[in-house]
Amino acid sequence: DAATMTEMLKLDEFRDAAAGLNFHG
């Protein structure tokens, strides 16, 4: 569900700088 998905995507392992650059690009 959306709540669990949000928790997973907030984990530090999925919020590093490379992840941010990839998302914006």
PDBML (XML) file of the C-alpha atoms, coordinates in Angstrom:
<?xml version="1.0" encoding="UTF-8" ?>
<PDBx:datablock datablockName="MODEL"
   xmlns:PDBx="http://pdbml.pdb.org/schema/pdbx-v50.xsd"
   xmlns:xsi="http://www.w3.org/2001/XMLSchema-instance"
   xsi:schemaLocation="http://pdbml.pdb.org/schema/pdbx-v50.xsd pdbx-v50.xsd">
   <PDBx:atom_siteCategory>
      <PDBx:atom_site id="1">
         <PDBx:B_iso_or_equiv>0.00</PDBx:B_iso_or_equiv>
         <PDBx:Cartn_x>0.000</PDBx:Cartn_x>
         <PDBx:Cartn_y>0.000</PDBx:Cartn_y>
         <PDBx:Cartn_z>0.000</PDBx:Cartn_z>
         <PDBx:auth_asym_id>A</PDBx:auth_asym_id>
         <PDBx:auth_atom_id>CA</PDBx:auth_atom_id>
         <PDBx:auth_comp_id>ASP</PDBx:auth_comp_id>
         <PDBx:auth_seq_id>1</PDBx:auth_seq_id>
         <PDBx:group_PDB>ATOM</PDBx:group_PDB>
         <PDBx:label_alt_id xsi:nil="true" />
         <PDBx:label_asym_id>A</PDBx:label_asym_id>
         <PDBx:label_atom_id>CA</PDBx:label_atom_id>
         <PDBx:label_comp_id>ASP</PDBx:label_comp_id>
         <PDBx:label_entity_id>1</PDBx:label_entity_id>
         <PDBx:label_seq_id>1</PDBx:label_seq_id>
         <PDBx:occupancy>1.00</PDBx:occupancy>
         <PDBx:pdbx_PDB_model_num>1</PDBx:pdbx_PDB_model_num>
         <PDBx:type_symbol>C</PDBx:type_symbol>
      </PDBx:atom_site>
      <PDBx:atom_site id="2">
         <PDBx:B_iso_or_equiv>0.00</PDBx:B_iso_or_equiv>
         <PDBx:Cartn_x>0.981</PDBx:Cartn_x>
         <PDBx:Cartn_y>3.664</PDBx:Cartn_y>
         <PDBx:Cartn_z>-0.295</PDBx:Cartn_z>
         <PDBx:auth_asym_id>A</PDBx:auth_asym_id>
         <PDBx:auth_atom_id>CA</PDBx:auth_atom_id>
         <PDBx:auth_comp_id>ALA</PDBx:auth_comp_id>
         <PDBx:auth_seq_id>2</PDBx:auth_seq_id>
         <PDBx:group_PDB>ATOM</PDBx:group_PDB>
         <PDBx:label_alt_id xsi:nil="true" />
         <PDBx:label_asym_id>A</PDBx:label_asym_id>
         <PDBx:label_atom_id>CA</PDBx:label_atom_id>
         <PDBx:label_comp_id>ALA</PDBx:label_comp_id>
         <PDBx:label_entity_id>1</PDBx:label_entity_id>
         <PDBx:label_seq_id>2</PDBx:label_seq_id>
         <PDBx:occupancy>1.00</PDBx:occupancy>
         <PDBx:pdbx_PDB_model_num>1</PDBx:pdbx_PDB_model_num>
         <PDBx:type_symbol>C</PDBx:type_symbol>
      </PDBx:atom_site>
      <PDBx:atom_site id="3">
         <PDBx:B_iso_or_equiv>0.00</PDBx:B_iso_or_equiv>
         <PDBx:Cartn_x>1.968</PDBx:Cartn_x>
         <PDBx:Cartn_y>4.045</PDBx:Cartn_y>
         <PDBx:Cartn_z>3.376</PDBx:Cartn_z>
         <PDBx:auth_asym_id>A</PDBx:auth_asym_id>
         <PDBx:auth_atom_id>CA</PDBx:auth_atom_id>
         <PDBx:auth_comp_id>ALA</PDBx:auth_comp_id>
         <PDBx:auth_seq_id>3</PDBx:auth_seq_id>
         <PDBx:group_PDB>ATOM</PDBx:group_PDB>
         <PDBx:label_alt_id xsi:nil="true" />
         <PDBx:label_asym_id>A</PDBx:label_asym_id>
         <PDBx:label_atom_id>CA</PDBx:label_atom_id>
         <PDBx:label_comp_id>ALA</PDBx:label_comp_id>
         <PDBx:label_entity_id>1</PDBx:label_entity_id>
         <PDBx:label_seq_id>3</PDBx:label_seq_id>
         <PDBx:occupancy>1.00</PDBx:occupancy>
         <PDBx:pdbx_PDB_model_num>1</PDBx:pdbx_PDB_model_num>
         <PDBx:type_symbol>C</PDBx:type_symbol>
      </PDBx:atom_site>
      <PDBx:atom_site id="4">
         <PDBx:B_iso_or_equiv>0.00</PDBx:B_iso_or_equiv>
         <PDBx:Cartn_x>4.385</PDBx:Cartn_x>
         <PDBx:Cartn_y>1.095</PDBx:Cartn_y>
         <PDBx:Cartn_z>3.298</PDBx:Cartn_z>
         <PDBx:auth_asym_id>A</PDBx:auth_asym_id>
         <PDBx:auth_atom_id>CA</PDBx:auth_atom_id>
         <PDBx:auth_comp_id>THR</PDBx:auth_comp_id>
         <PDBx:auth_seq_id>4</PDBx:auth_seq_id>
         <PDBx:group_PDB>ATOM</PDBx:group_PDB>
         <PDBx:label_alt_id xsi:nil="true" />
         <PDBx:label_asym_id>A</PDBx:label_asym_id>
         <PDBx:label_atom_id>CA</PDBx:label_atom_id>
         <PDBx:label_comp_id>THR</PDBx:label_comp_id>
         <PDBx:label_entity_id>1</PDBx:label_entity_id>
         <PDBx:label_seq_id>4</PDBx:label_seq_id>
         <PDBx:occupancy>1.00</PDBx:occupancy>
         <PDBx:pdbx_PDB_model_num>1</PDBx:pdbx_PDB_model_num>
         <PDBx:type_symbol>C</PDBx:type_symbol>
      </PDBx:atom_site>
      <PDBx:atom_site id="5">
         <PDBx:B_iso_or_equiv>0.00</PDBx:B_iso_or_equiv>
         <PDBx:Cartn_x>5.761</PDBx:Cartn_x>
         <PDBx:Cartn_y>2.236</PDBx:Cartn_y>
         <PDBx:Cartn_z>-0.048</PDBx:Cartn_z>
         <PDBx:auth_asym_id>A</PDBx:auth_asym_id>
         <PDBx:auth_atom_id>CA</PDBx:auth_atom_id>
         <PDBx:auth_comp_id>MET</PDBx:auth_comp_id>
         <PDBx:auth_seq_id>5</PDBx:auth_seq_id>
         <PDBx:group_PDB>ATOM</PDBx:group_PDB>
         <PDBx:label_alt_id xsi:nil="true" />
         <PDBx:label_asym_id>A</PDBx:label_asym_id>
         <PDBx:label_atom_id>CA</PDBx:label_atom_id>
         <PDBx:label_comp_id>MET</PDBx:label_comp_id>
         <PDBx:label_entity_id>1</PDBx:label_entity_id>
         <PDBx:label_seq_id>5</PDBx:label_seq_id>
         <PDBx:occupancy>1.00</PDBx:occupancy>
         <PDBx:pdbx_PDB_model_num>1</PDBx:pdbx_PDB_model_num>
         <PDBx:type_symbol>C</PDBx:type_symbol>
      </PDBx:atom_site>
      <PDBx:atom_site id="6">
         <PDBx:B_iso_or_equiv>0.00</PDBx:B_iso_or_equiv>
         <PDBx:Cartn_x>6.466</PDBx:Cartn_x>
         <PDBx:Cartn_y>5.653</PDBx:Cartn_y>
         <PDBx:Cartn_z>1.468</PDBx:Cartn_z>
         <PDBx:auth_asym_id>A</PDBx:auth_asym_id>
         <PDBx:auth_atom_id>CA</PDBx:auth_atom_id>
         <PDBx:auth_comp_id>THR</PDBx:auth_comp_id>
         <PDBx:auth_seq_id>6</PDBx:auth_seq_id>
         <PDBx:group_PDB>ATOM</PDBx:group_PDB>
         <PDBx:label_alt_id xsi:nil="true" />
         <PDBx:label_asym_id>A</PDBx:label_asym_id>
         <PDBx:label_atom_id>CA</PDBx:label_atom_id>
         <PDBx:label_comp_id>THR</PDBx:label_comp_id>
         <PDBx:label_entity_id>1</PDBx:label_entity_id>
         <PDBx:label_seq_id>6</PDBx:label_seq_id>
         <PDBx:occupancy>1.00</PDBx:occupancy>
         <PDBx:pdbx_PDB_model_num>1</PDBx:pdbx_PDB_model_num>
         <PDBx:type_symbol>C</PDBx:type_symbol>
      </PDBx:atom_site>
      <PDBx:atom_site id="7">
         <PDBx:B_iso_or_equiv>0.00</PDBx:B_iso_or_equiv>
         <PDBx:Cartn_x>8.294</PDBx:Cartn_x>
         <PDBx:Cartn_y>4.104</PDBx:Cartn_y>
         <PDBx:Cartn_z>4.422</PDBx:Cartn_z>
         <PDBx:auth_asym_id>A</PDBx:auth_asym_id>
         <PDBx:auth_atom_id>CA</PDBx:auth_atom_id>
         <PDBx:auth_comp_id>GLU</PDBx:auth_comp_id>
         <PDBx:auth_seq_id>7</PDBx:auth_seq_id>
         <PDBx:group_PDB>ATOM</PDBx:group_PDB>
         <PDBx:label_alt_id xsi:nil="true" />
         <PDBx:label_asym_id>A</PDBx:label_asym_id>
         <PDBx:label_atom_id>CA</PDBx:label_atom_id>
         <PDBx:label_comp_id>GLU</PDBx:label_comp_id>
         <PDBx:label_entity_id>1</PDBx:label_entity_id>
         <PDBx:label_seq_id>7</PDBx:label_seq_id>
         <PDBx:occupancy>1.00</PDBx:occupancy>
         <PDBx:pdbx_PDB_model_num>1</PDBx:pdbx_PDB_model_num>
         <PDBx:type_symbol>C</PDBx:type_symbol>
      </PDBx:atom_site>
      <PDBx:atom_site id="8">
         <PDBx:B_iso_or_equiv>0.00</PDBx:B_iso_or_equiv>
         <PDBx:Cartn_x>10.522</PDBx:Cartn_x>
         <PDBx:Cartn_y>2.059</PDBx:Cartn_y>
         <PDBx:Cartn_z>2.115</PDBx:Cartn_z>
         <PDBx:auth_asym_id>A</PDBx:auth_asym_id>
         <PDBx:auth_atom_id>CA</PDBx:auth_atom_id>
         <PDBx:auth_comp_id>MET</PDBx:auth_comp_id>
         <PDBx:auth_seq_id>8</PDBx:auth_seq_id>
         <PDBx:group_PDB>ATOM</PDBx:group_PDB>
         <PDBx:label_alt_id xsi:nil="true" />
         <PDBx:label_asym_id>A</PDBx:label_asym_id>
         <PDBx:label_atom_id>CA</PDBx:label_atom_id>
         <PDBx:label_comp_id>MET</PDBx:label_comp_id>
         <PDBx:label_entity_id>1</PDBx:label_entity_id>
         <PDBx:label_seq_id>8</PDBx:label_seq_id>
         <PDBx:occupancy>1.00</PDBx:occupancy>
         <PDBx:pdbx_PDB_model_num>1</PDBx:pdbx_PDB_model_num>
         <PDBx:type_symbol>C</PDBx:type_symbol>
      </PDBx:atom_site>
      <PDBx:atom_site id="9">
         <PDBx:B_iso_or_equiv>0.00</PDBx:B_iso_or_equiv>
         <PDBx:Cartn_x>11.406</PDBx:Cartn_x>
         <PDBx:Cartn_y>4.988</PDBx:Cartn_y>
         <PDBx:Cartn_z>-0.124</PDBx:Cartn_z>
         <PDBx:auth_asym_id>A</PDBx:auth_asym_id>
         <PDBx:auth_atom_id>CA</PDBx:auth_atom_id>
         <PDBx:auth_comp_id>LEU</PDBx:auth_comp_id>
         <PDBx:auth_seq_id>9</PDBx:auth_seq_id>
         <PDBx:group_PDB>ATOM</PDBx:group_PDB>
         <PDBx:label_alt_id xsi:nil="true" />
         <PDBx:label_asym_id>A</PDBx:label_asym_id>
         <PDBx:label_atom_id>CA</PDBx:label_atom_id>
         <PDBx:label_comp_id>LEU</PDBx:label_comp_id>
         <PDBx:label_entity_id>1</PDBx:label_entity_id>
         <PDBx:label_seq_id>9</PDBx:label_seq_id>
         <PDBx:occupancy>1.00</PDBx:occupancy>
         <PDBx:pdbx_PDB_model_num>1</PDBx:pdbx_PDB_model_num>
         <PDBx:type_symbol>C</PDBx:type_symbol>
      </PDBx:atom_site>
      <PDBx:atom_site id="10">
         <PDBx:B_iso_or_equiv>0.00</PDBx:B_iso_or_equiv>
         <PDBx:Cartn_x>12.322</PDBx:Cartn_x>
         <PDBx:Cartn_y>7.116</PDBx:Cartn_y>
         <PDBx:Cartn_z>2.921</PDBx:Cartn_z>
         <PDBx:auth_asym_id>A</PDBx:auth_asym_id>
         <PDBx:auth_atom_id>CA</PDBx:auth_atom_id>
         <PDBx:auth_comp_id>LYS</PDBx:auth_comp_id>
         <PDBx:auth_seq_id>10</PDBx:auth_seq_id>
         <PDBx:group_PDB>ATOM</PDBx:group_PDB>
         <PDBx:label_alt_id xsi:nil="true" />
         <PDBx:label_asym_id>A</PDBx:label_asym_id>
         <PDBx:label_atom_id>CA</PDBx:label_atom_id>
         <PDBx:label_comp_id>LYS</PDBx:label_comp_id>
         <PDBx:label_entity_id>1</PDBx:label_entity_id>
         <PDBx:label_seq_id>10</PDBx:label_seq_id>
         <PDBx:occupancy>1.00</PDBx:occupancy>
         <PDBx:pdbx_PDB_model_num>1</PDBx:pdbx_PDB_model_num>
         <PDBx:type_symbol>C</PDBx:type_symbol>
      </PDBx:atom_site>
      <PDBx:atom_site id="11">
         <PDBx:B_iso_or_equiv>0.00</PDBx:B_iso_or_equiv>
         <PDBx:Cartn_x>15.037</PDBx:Cartn_x>
         <PDBx:Cartn_y>4.689</PDBx:Cartn_y>
         <PDBx:Cartn_z>4.015</PDBx:Cartn_z>
         <PDBx:auth_asym_id>A</PDBx:auth_asym_id>
         <PDBx:auth_atom_id>CA</PDBx:auth_atom_id>
         <PDBx:auth_comp_id>LEU</PDBx:auth_comp_id>
         <PDBx:auth_seq_id>11</PDBx:auth_seq_id>
         <PDBx:group_PDB>ATOM</PDBx:group_PDB>
         <PDBx:label_alt_id xsi:nil="true" />
         <PDBx:label_asym_id>A</PDBx:label_asym_id>
         <PDBx:label_atom_id>CA</PDBx:label_atom_id>
         <PDBx:label_comp_id>LEU</PDBx:label_comp_id>
         <PDBx:label_entity_id>1</PDBx:label_entity_id>
         <PDBx:label_seq_id>11</PDBx:label_seq_id>
         <PDBx:occupancy>1.00</PDBx:occupancy>
         <PDBx:pdbx_PDB_model_num>1</PDBx:pdbx_PDB_model_num>
         <PDBx:type_symbol>C</PDBx:type_symbol>
      </PDBx:atom_site>
      <PDBx:atom_site id="12">
         <PDBx:B_iso_or_equiv>0.00</PDBx:B_iso_or_equiv>
         <PDBx:Cartn_x>18.485</PDBx:Cartn_x>
         <PDBx:Cartn_y>6.265</PDBx:Cartn_y>
         <PDBx:Cartn_z>3.907</PDBx:Cartn_z>
         <PDBx:auth_asym_id>A</PDBx:auth_asym_id>
         <PDBx:auth_atom_id>CA</PDBx:auth_atom_id>
         <PDBx:auth_comp_id>ASP</PDBx:auth_comp_id>
         <PDBx:auth_seq_id>12</PDBx:auth_seq_id>
         <PDBx:group_PDB>ATOM</PDBx:group_PDB>
         <PDBx:label_alt_id xsi:nil="true" />
         <PDBx:label_asym_id>A</PDBx:label_asym_id>
         <PDBx:label_atom_id>CA</PDBx:label_atom_id>
         <PDBx:label_comp_id>ASP</PDBx:label_comp_id>
         <PDBx:label_entity_id>1</PDBx:label_entity_id>
         <PDBx:label_seq_id>12</PDBx:label_seq_id>
         <PDBx:occupancy>1.00</PDBx:occupancy>
         <PDBx:pdbx_PDB_model_num>1</PDBx:pdbx_PDB_model_num>
         <PDBx:type_symbol>C</PDBx:type_symbol>
      </PDBx:atom_site>
      <PDBx:atom_site id="13">
         <PDBx:B_iso_or_equiv>0.00</PDBx:B_iso_or_equiv>
         <PDBx:Cartn_x>19.703</PDBx:Cartn_x>
         <PDBx:Cartn_y>3.547</PDBx:Cartn_y>
         <PDBx:Cartn_z>1.549</PDBx:Cartn_z>
         <PDBx:auth_asym_id>A</PDBx:auth_asym_id>
         <PDBx:auth_atom_id>CA</PDBx:auth_atom_id>
         <PDBx:auth_comp_id>GLU</PDBx:auth_comp_id>
         <PDBx:auth_seq_id>13</PDBx:auth_seq_id>
         <PDBx:group_PDB>ATOM</PDBx:group_PDB>
         <PDBx:label_alt_id xsi:nil="true" />
         <PDBx:label_asym_id>A</PDBx:label_asym_id>
         <PDBx:label_atom_id>CA</PDBx:label_atom_id>
         <PDBx:label_comp_id>GLU</PDBx:label_comp_id>
         <PDBx:label_entity_id>1</PDBx:label_entity_id>
         <PDBx:label_seq_id>13</PDBx:label_seq_id>
         <PDBx:occupancy>1.00</PDBx:occupancy>
         <PDBx:pdbx_PDB_model_num>1</PDBx:pdbx_PDB_model_num>
         <PDBx:type_symbol>C</PDBx:type_symbol>
      </PDBx:atom_site>
      <PDBx:atom_site id="14">
         <PDBx:B_iso_or_equiv>0.00</PDBx:B_iso_or_equiv>
         <PDBx:Cartn_x>17.245</PDBx:Cartn_x>
         <PDBx:Cartn_y>4.781</PDBx:Cartn_y>
         <PDBx:Cartn_z>-1.077</PDBx:Cartn_z>
         <PDBx:auth_asym_id>A</PDBx:auth_asym_id>
         <PDBx:auth_atom_id>CA</PDBx:auth_atom_id>
         <PDBx:auth_comp_id>PHE</PDBx:auth_comp_id>
         <PDBx:auth_seq_id>14</PDBx:auth_seq_id>
         <PDBx:group_PDB>ATOM</PDBx:group_PDB>
         <PDBx:label_alt_id xsi:nil="true" />
         <PDBx:label_asym_id>A</PDBx:label_asym_id>
         <PDBx:label_atom_id>CA</PDBx:label_atom_id>
         <PDBx:label_comp_id>PHE</PDBx:label_comp_id>
         <PDBx:label_entity_id>1</PDBx:label_entity_id>
         <PDBx:label_seq_id>14</PDBx:label_seq_id>
         <PDBx:occupancy>1.00</PDBx:occupancy>
         <PDBx:pdbx_PDB_model_num>1</PDBx:pdbx_PDB_model_num>
         <PDBx:type_symbol>C</PDBx:type_symbol>
      </PDBx:atom_site>
      <PDBx:atom_site id="15">
         <PDBx:B_iso_or_equiv>0.00</PDBx:B_iso_or_equiv>
         <PDBx:Cartn_x>17.784</PDBx:Cartn_x>
         <PDBx:Cartn_y>8.525</PDBx:Cartn_y>
         <PDBx:Cartn_z>-0.477</PDBx:Cartn_z>
         <PDBx:auth_asym_id>A</PDBx:auth_asym_id>
         <PDBx:auth_atom_id>CA</PDBx:auth_atom_id>
         <PDBx:auth_comp_id>ARG</PDBx:auth_comp_id>
         <PDBx:auth_seq_id>15</PDBx:auth_seq_id>
         <PDBx:group_PDB>ATOM</PDBx:group_PDB>
         <PDBx:label_alt_id xsi:nil="true" />
         <PDBx:label_asym_id>A</PDBx:label_asym_id>
         <PDBx:label_atom_id>CA</PDBx:label_atom_id>
         <PDBx:label_comp_id>ARG</PDBx:label_comp_id>
         <PDBx:label_entity_id>1</PDBx:label_entity_id>
         <PDBx:label_seq_id>15</PDBx:label_seq_id>
         <PDBx:occupancy>1.00</PDBx:occupancy>
         <PDBx:pdbx_PDB_model_num>1</PDBx:pdbx_PDB_model_num>
         <PDBx:type_symbol>C</PDBx:type_symbol>
      </PDBx:atom_site>
      <PDBx:atom_site id="16">
         <PDBx:B_iso_or_equiv>0.00</PDBx:B_iso_or_equiv>
         <PDBx:Cartn_x>21.475</PDBx:Cartn_x>
         <PDBx:Cartn_y>9.011</PDBx:Cartn_y>
         <PDBx:Cartn_z>-1.216</PDBx:Cartn_z>
         <PDBx:auth_asym_id>A</PDBx:auth_asym_id>
         <PDBx:auth_atom_id>CA</PDBx:auth_atom_id>
         <PDBx:auth_comp_id>ASP</PDBx:auth_comp_id>
         <PDBx:auth_seq_id>16</PDBx:auth_seq_id>
         <PDBx:group_PDB>ATOM</PDBx:group_PDB>
         <PDBx:label_alt_id xsi:nil="true" />
         <PDBx:label_asym_id>A</PDBx:label_asym_id>
         <PDBx:label_atom_id>CA</PDBx:label_atom_id>
         <PDBx:label_comp_id>ASP</PDBx:label_comp_id>
         <PDBx:label_entity_id>1</PDBx:label_entity_id>
         <PDBx:label_seq_id>16</PDBx:label_seq_id>
         <PDBx:occupancy>1.00</PDBx:occupancy>
         <PDBx:pdbx_PDB_model_num>1</PDBx:pdbx_PDB_model_num>
         <PDBx:type_symbol>C</PDBx:type_symbol>
      </PDBx:atom_site>
      <PDBx:atom_site id="17">
         <PDBx:B_iso_or_equiv>0.00</PDBx:B_iso_or_equiv>
         <PDBx:Cartn_x>22.836</PDBx:Cartn_x>
         <PDBx:Cartn_y>11.718</PDBx:Cartn_y>
         <PDBx:Cartn_z>-3.510</PDBx:Cartn_z>
         <PDBx:auth_asym_id>A</PDBx:auth_asym_id>
         <PDBx:auth_atom_id>CA</PDBx:auth_atom_id>
         <PDBx:auth_comp_id>ALA</PDBx:auth_comp_id>
         <PDBx:auth_seq_id>17</PDBx:auth_seq_id>
         <PDBx:group_PDB>ATOM</PDBx:group_PDB>
         <PDBx:label_alt_id xsi:nil="true" />
         <PDBx:label_asym_id>A</PDBx:label_asym_id>
         <PDBx:label_atom_id>CA</PDBx:label_atom_id>
         <PDBx:label_comp_id>ALA</PDBx:label_comp_id>
         <PDBx:label_entity_id>1</PDBx:label_entity_id>
         <PDBx:label_seq_id>17</PDBx:label_seq_id>
         <PDBx:occupancy>1.00</PDBx:occupancy>
         <PDBx:pdbx_PDB_model_num>1</PDBx:pdbx_PDB_model_num>
         <PDBx:type_symbol>C</PDBx:type_symbol>
      </PDBx:atom_site>
      <PDBx:atom_site id="18">
         <PDBx:B_iso_or_equiv>0.00</PDBx:B_iso_or_equiv>
         <PDBx:Cartn_x>23.089</PDBx:Cartn_x>
         <PDBx:Cartn_y>9.401</PDBx:Cartn_y>
         <PDBx:Cartn_z>-6.521</PDBx:Cartn_z>
         <PDBx:auth_asym_id>A</PDBx:auth_asym_id>
         <PDBx:auth_atom_id>CA</PDBx:auth_atom_id>
         <PDBx:auth_comp_id>ALA</PDBx:auth_comp_id>
         <PDBx:auth_seq_id>18</PDBx:auth_seq_id>
         <PDBx:group_PDB>ATOM</PDBx:group_PDB>
         <PDBx:label_alt_id xsi:nil="true" />
         <PDBx:label_asym_id>A</PDBx:label_asym_id>
         <PDBx:label_atom_id>CA</PDBx:label_atom_id>
         <PDBx:label_comp_id>ALA</PDBx:label_comp_id>
         <PDBx:label_entity_id>1</PDBx:label_entity_id>
         <PDBx:label_seq_id>18</PDBx:label_seq_id>
         <PDBx:occupancy>1.00</PDBx:occupancy>
         <PDBx:pdbx_PDB_model_num>1</PDBx:pdbx_PDB_model_num>
         <PDBx:type_symbol>C</PDBx:type_symbol>
      </PDBx:atom_site>
      <PDBx:atom_site id="19">
         <PDBx:B_iso_or_equiv>0.00</PDBx:B_iso_or_equiv>
         <PDBx:Cartn_x>19.459</PDBx:Cartn_x>
         <PDBx:Cartn_y>8.435</PDBx:Cartn_y>
         <PDBx:Cartn_z>-6.096</PDBx:Cartn_z>
         <PDBx:auth_asym_id>A</PDBx:auth_asym_id>
         <PDBx:auth_atom_id>CA</PDBx:auth_atom_id>
         <PDBx:auth_comp_id>ALA</PDBx:auth_comp_id>
         <PDBx:auth_seq_id>19</PDBx:auth_seq_id>
         <PDBx:group_PDB>ATOM</PDBx:group_PDB>
         <PDBx:label_alt_id xsi:nil="true" />
         <PDBx:label_asym_id>A</PDBx:label_asym_id>
         <PDBx:label_atom_id>CA</PDBx:label_atom_id>
         <PDBx:label_comp_id>ALA</PDBx:label_comp_id>
         <PDBx:label_entity_id>1</PDBx:label_entity_id>
         <PDBx:label_seq_id>19</PDBx:label_seq_id>
         <PDBx:occupancy>1.00</PDBx:occupancy>
         <PDBx:pdbx_PDB_model_num>1</PDBx:pdbx_PDB_model_num>
         <PDBx:type_symbol>C</PDBx:type_symbol>
      </PDBx:atom_site>
      <PDBx:atom_site id="20">
         <PDBx:B_iso_or_equiv>0.00</PDBx:B_iso_or_equiv>
         <PDBx:Cartn_x>18.450</PDBx:Cartn_x>
         <PDBx:Cartn_y>12.107</PDBx:Cartn_y>
         <PDBx:Cartn_z>-6.083</PDBx:Cartn_z>
         <PDBx:auth_asym_id>A</PDBx:auth_asym_id>
         <PDBx:auth_atom_id>CA</PDBx:auth_atom_id>
         <PDBx:auth_comp_id>GLY</PDBx:auth_comp_id>
         <PDBx:auth_seq_id>20</PDBx:auth_seq_id>
         <PDBx:group_PDB>ATOM</PDBx:group_PDB>
         <PDBx:label_alt_id xsi:nil="true" />
         <PDBx:label_asym_id>A</PDBx:label_asym_id>
         <PDBx:label_atom_id>CA</PDBx:label_atom_id>
         <PDBx:label_comp_id>GLY</PDBx:label_comp_id>
         <PDBx:label_entity_id>1</PDBx:label_entity_id>
         <PDBx:label_seq_id>20</PDBx:label_seq_id>
         <PDBx:occupancy>1.00</PDBx:occupancy>
         <PDBx:pdbx_PDB_model_num>1</PDBx:pdbx_PDB_model_num>
         <PDBx:type_symbol>C</PDBx:type_symbol>
      </PDBx:atom_site>
      <PDBx:atom_site id="21">
         <PDBx:B_iso_or_equiv>0.00</PDBx:B_iso_or_equiv>
         <PDBx:Cartn_x>20.438</PDBx:Cartn_x>
         <PDBx:Cartn_y>12.887</PDBx:Cartn_y>
         <PDBx:Cartn_z>-9.200</PDBx:Cartn_z>
         <PDBx:auth_asym_id>A</PDBx:auth_asym_id>
         <PDBx:auth_atom_id>CA</PDBx:auth_atom_id>
         <PDBx:auth_comp_id>LEU</PDBx:auth_comp_id>
         <PDBx:auth_seq_id>21</PDBx:auth_seq_id>
         <PDBx:group_PDB>ATOM</PDBx:group_PDB>
         <PDBx:label_alt_id xsi:nil="true" />
         <PDBx:label_asym_id>A</PDBx:label_asym_id>
         <PDBx:label_atom_id>CA</PDBx:label_atom_id>
         <PDBx:label_comp_id>LEU</PDBx:label_comp_id>
         <PDBx:label_entity_id>1</PDBx:label_entity_id>
         <PDBx:label_seq_id>21</PDBx:label_seq_id>
         <PDBx:occupancy>1.00</PDBx:occupancy>
         <PDBx:pdbx_PDB_model_num>1</PDBx:pdbx_PDB_model_num>
         <PDBx:type_symbol>C</PDBx:type_symbol>
      </PDBx:atom_site>
      <PDBx:atom_site id="22">
         <PDBx:B_iso_or_equiv>0.00</PDBx:B_iso_or_equiv>
         <PDBx:Cartn_x>18.959</PDBx:Cartn_x>
         <PDBx:Cartn_y>9.878</PDBx:Cartn_y>
         <PDBx:Cartn_z>-10.984</PDBx:Cartn_z>
         <PDBx:auth_asym_id>A</PDBx:auth_asym_id>
         <PDBx:auth_atom_id>CA</PDBx:auth_atom_id>
         <PDBx:auth_comp_id>ASN</PDBx:auth_comp_id>
         <PDBx:auth_seq_id>22</PDBx:auth_seq_id>
         <PDBx:group_PDB>ATOM</PDBx:group_PDB>
         <PDBx:label_alt_id xsi:nil="true" />
         <PDBx:label_asym_id>A</PDBx:label_asym_id>
         <PDBx:label_atom_id>CA</PDBx:label_atom_id>
         <PDBx:label_comp_id>ASN</PDBx:label_comp_id>
         <PDBx:label_entity_id>1</PDBx:label_entity_id>
         <PDBx:label_seq_id>22</PDBx:label_seq_id>
         <PDBx:occupancy>1.00</PDBx:occupancy>
         <PDBx:pdbx_PDB_model_num>1</PDBx:pdbx_PDB_model_num>
         <PDBx:type_symbol>C</PDBx:type_symbol>
      </PDBx:atom_site>
      <PDBx:atom_site id="23">
         <PDBx:B_iso_or_equiv>0.00</PDBx:B_iso_or_equiv>
         <PDBx:Cartn_x>15.415</PDBx:Cartn_x>
         <PDBx:Cartn_y>10.884</PDBx:Cartn_y>
         <PDBx:Cartn_z>-10.014</PDBx:Cartn_z>
         <PDBx:auth_asym_id>A</PDBx:auth_asym_id>
         <PDBx:auth_atom_id>CA</PDBx:auth_atom_id>
         <PDBx:auth_comp_id>PHE</PDBx:auth_comp_id>
         <PDBx:auth_seq_id>23</PDBx:auth_seq_id>
         <PDBx:group_PDB>ATOM</PDBx:group_PDB>
         <PDBx:label_alt_id xsi:nil="true" />
         <PDBx:label_asym_id>A</PDBx:label_asym_id>
         <PDBx:label_atom_id>CA</PDBx:label_atom_id>
         <PDBx:label_comp_id>PHE</PDBx:label_comp_id>
         <PDBx:label_entity_id>1</PDBx:label_entity_id>
         <PDBx:label_seq_id>23</PDBx:label_seq_id>
         <PDBx:occupancy>1.00</PDBx:occupancy>
         <PDBx:pdbx_PDB_model_num>1</PDBx:pdbx_PDB_model_num>
         <PDBx:type_symbol>C</PDBx:type_symbol>
      </PDBx:atom_site>
      <PDBx:atom_site id="24">
         <PDBx:B_iso_or_equiv>0.00</PDBx:B_iso_or_equiv>
         <PDBx:Cartn_x>15.848</PDBx:Cartn_x>
         <PDBx:Cartn_y>14.487</PDBx:Cartn_y>
         <PDBx:Cartn_z>-11.188</PDBx:Cartn_z>
         <PDBx:auth_asym_id>A</PDBx:auth_asym_id>
         <PDBx:auth_atom_id>CA</PDBx:auth_atom_id>
         <PDBx:auth_comp_id>HIS</PDBx:auth_comp_id>
         <PDBx:auth_seq_id>24</PDBx:auth_seq_id>
         <PDBx:group_PDB>ATOM</PDBx:group_PDB>
         <PDBx:label_alt_id xsi:nil="true" />
         <PDBx:label_asym_id>A</PDBx:label_asym_id>
         <PDBx:label_atom_id>CA</PDBx:label_atom_id>
         <PDBx:label_comp_id>HIS</PDBx:label_comp_id>
         <PDBx:label_entity_id>1</PDBx:label_entity_id>
         <PDBx:label_seq_id>24</PDBx:label_seq_id>
         <PDBx:occupancy>1.00</PDBx:occupancy>
         <PDBx:pdbx_PDB_model_num>1</PDBx:pdbx_PDB_model_num>
         <PDBx:type_symbol>C</PDBx:type_symbol>
      </PDBx:atom_site>
      <PDBx:atom_site id="25">
         <PDBx:B_iso_or_equiv>0.00</PDBx:B_iso_or_equiv>
         <PDBx:Cartn_x>17.519</PDBx:Cartn_x>
         <PDBx:Cartn_y>13.357</PDBx:Cartn_y>
         <PDBx:Cartn_z>-14.405</PDBx:Cartn_z>
         <PDBx:auth_asym_id>A</PDBx:auth_asym_id>
         <PDBx:auth_atom_id>CA</PDBx:auth_atom_id>
         <PDBx:auth_comp_id>GLY</PDBx:auth_comp_id>
         <PDBx:auth_seq_id>25</PDBx:auth_seq_id>
         <PDBx:group_PDB>ATOM</PDBx:group_PDB>
         <PDBx:label_alt_id xsi:nil="true" />
         <PDBx:label_asym_id>A</PDBx:label_asym_id>
         <PDBx:label_atom_id>CA</PDBx:label_atom_id>
         <PDBx:label_comp_id>GLY</PDBx:label_comp_id>
         <PDBx:label_entity_id>1</PDBx:label_entity_id>
         <PDBx:label_seq_id>25</PDBx:label_seq_id>
         <PDBx:occupancy>1.00</PDBx:occupancy>
         <PDBx:pdbx_PDB_model_num>1</PDBx:pdbx_PDB_model_num>
         <PDBx:type_symbol>C</PDBx:type_symbol>
      </PDBx:atom_site>
   </PDBx:atom_siteCategory>
</PDBx:datablock>
